[in-house]
Amino acid sequence: MSEIRIVVGLAAALLASCVSSSEVQPIGNGRYMITGRASGGLNAGKETTEATKVANAYCAKESKQMVLQNLNTTGNAAVFGENINLTFTCENNK
């Protein structure tokens, strides 16, 4: 019975895996970039959500709104990992 628990635990850990995003990096002309990574099939697309949350929080600290400028996605979370580059600006709230 304990072998089954170990196998189930390992399978859950592999499926859950990891989602991360970088710190906000200024790239000039009022633009910023965040990179994100997700691994594990159930995490596909979650790096975009995480990076967007970080960008929104960054702009909110300046009482501004995040405006997406560009989003590039490469890879596959289920195979070797999914990567994103999110470029944004912080604009005055309207």
Protein backbone atom coordinates (compact mmCIF):
# COMPACT_ATOMS: atom_id res chain seq x y z
CA MET A 1 0.00 0.00 0.00
CA SER A 2 2.83 2.44 0.80
CA GLU A 3 4.31 1.90 -2.70
CA ILE A 4 1.07 3.14 -4.24
CA ARG A 5 1.16 6.25 -2.06
CA ILE A 6 4.73 6.96 -3.14
CA VAL A 7 3.85 6.58 -6.82
CA VAL A 8 0.76 8.77 -6.46
CA GLY A 9 2.78 11.39 -4.57
CA LEU A 10 5.51 11.47 -7.22
CA ALA A 11 2.95 11.70 -10.01
CA ALA A 12 1.23 14.62 -8.29
CA ALA A 13 4.55 16.40 -7.78
CA LEU A 14 5.47 15.99 -11.45
CA LEU A 15 2.09 17.30 -12.59
CA ALA A 16 2.14 20.27 -10.21
CA SER A 17 5.75 21.21 -11.01
CA CYS A 18 6.51 24.92 -11.15
CA VAL A 19 5.38 28.37 -12.28
CA SER A 20 7.64 31.41 -11.93
CA SER A 21 8.17 34.93 -13.18
CA SER A 22 11.08 37.34 -13.04
CA GLU A 23 11.27 40.74 -11.45
CA VAL A 24 10.17 43.71 -13.55
CA GLN A 25 13.02 44.92 -15.76
CA PRO A 26 13.02 48.42 -17.33
CA ILE A 27 13.90 48.20 -21.02
CA GLY A 28 13.72 51.88 -22.01
CA ASN A 29 11.20 54.40 -23.30
CA GLY A 30 8.85 53.74 -20.36
CA ARG A 31 8.61 50.04 -21.21
CA TYR A 32 9.16 47.10 -18.88
CA MET A 33 9.65 43.36 -19.38
CA ILE A 34 8.90 40.27 -17.32
CA THR A 35 9.86 36.71 -18.22
CA GLY A 36 7.92 33.73 -16.99
CA ARG A 37 8.23 29.96 -17.05
CA ALA A 38 5.87 27.05 -16.42
CA SER A 39 6.64 23.36 -16.35
CA GLY A 40 4.22 20.51 -15.92
CA GLY A 41 1.21 19.97 -18.16
CA LEU A 42 -1.33 21.31 -15.68
CA ASN A 43 0.57 24.62 -15.52
CA ALA A 44 0.29 25.53 -19.21
CA GLY A 45 -0.52 29.23 -19.49
CA LYS A 46 -0.12 29.93 -15.79
CA GLU A 47 3.18 31.75 -16.33
CA THR A 48 1.28 34.36 -18.34
CA THR A 49 -1.21 34.82 -15.51
CA GLU A 50 1.59 35.11 -12.94
CA ALA A 51 3.59 37.62 -15.02
CA THR A 52 0.45 39.69 -15.67
CA LYS A 53 -0.27 39.84 -11.93
CA VAL A 54 3.29 41.06 -11.28
CA ALA A 55 2.99 43.71 -14.02
CA ASN A 56 -0.38 44.90 -12.70
CA ALA A 57 0.99 45.18 -9.16
CA TYR A 58 4.06 47.07 -10.39
CA CYS A 59 1.95 49.69 -12.17
CA ALA A 60 -0.57 49.89 -9.32
CA LYS A 61 2.25 50.98 -6.97
CA GLU A 62 2.52 54.08 -9.17
CA SER A 63 -1.29 54.47 -9.27
CA LYS A 64 -1.19 53.55 -12.95
CA GLN A 65 -2.66 50.86 -15.15
CA MET A 66 -0.66 48.15 -16.91
CA VAL A 67 -0.98 48.19 -20.71
CA LEU A 68 0.29 45.10 -22.52
CA GLN A 69 2.59 45.93 -25.41
CA ASN A 70 3.76 42.46 -26.47
CA LEU A 71 3.54 38.84 -25.36
CA ASN A 72 5.71 36.07 -26.81
CA THR A 73 5.22 32.44 -25.79
CA THR A 74 7.56 29.58 -26.64
CA GLY A 75 7.73 25.92 -25.70
CA ASN A 76 5.26 23.53 -24.14
CA ALA A 77 4.70 23.25 -20.38
CA ALA A 78 4.05 19.51 -20.62
CA VAL A 79 7.31 18.72 -22.43
CA PHE A 80 10.30 20.99 -21.73
CA GLY A 81 8.60 23.99 -20.20
CA GLU A 82 6.75 27.02 -21.52
CA ASN A 83 8.41 30.45 -21.53
CA ILE A 84 6.99 33.94 -22.00
CA ASN A 85 8.30 37.44 -22.46
CA LEU A 86 5.74 40.07 -21.48
CA THR A 87 6.42 43.71 -22.40
CA PHE A 88 4.25 46.46 -20.92
CA THR A 89 3.93 50.11 -20.05
CA CYS A 90 2.32 51.83 -17.07
CA GLU A 91 -0.26 54.39 -18.18
CA ASN A 92 -2.29 56.90 -16.20
CA ASN A 93 -5.71 55.60 -15.20
CA LYS A 94 -8.49 57.00 -17.34
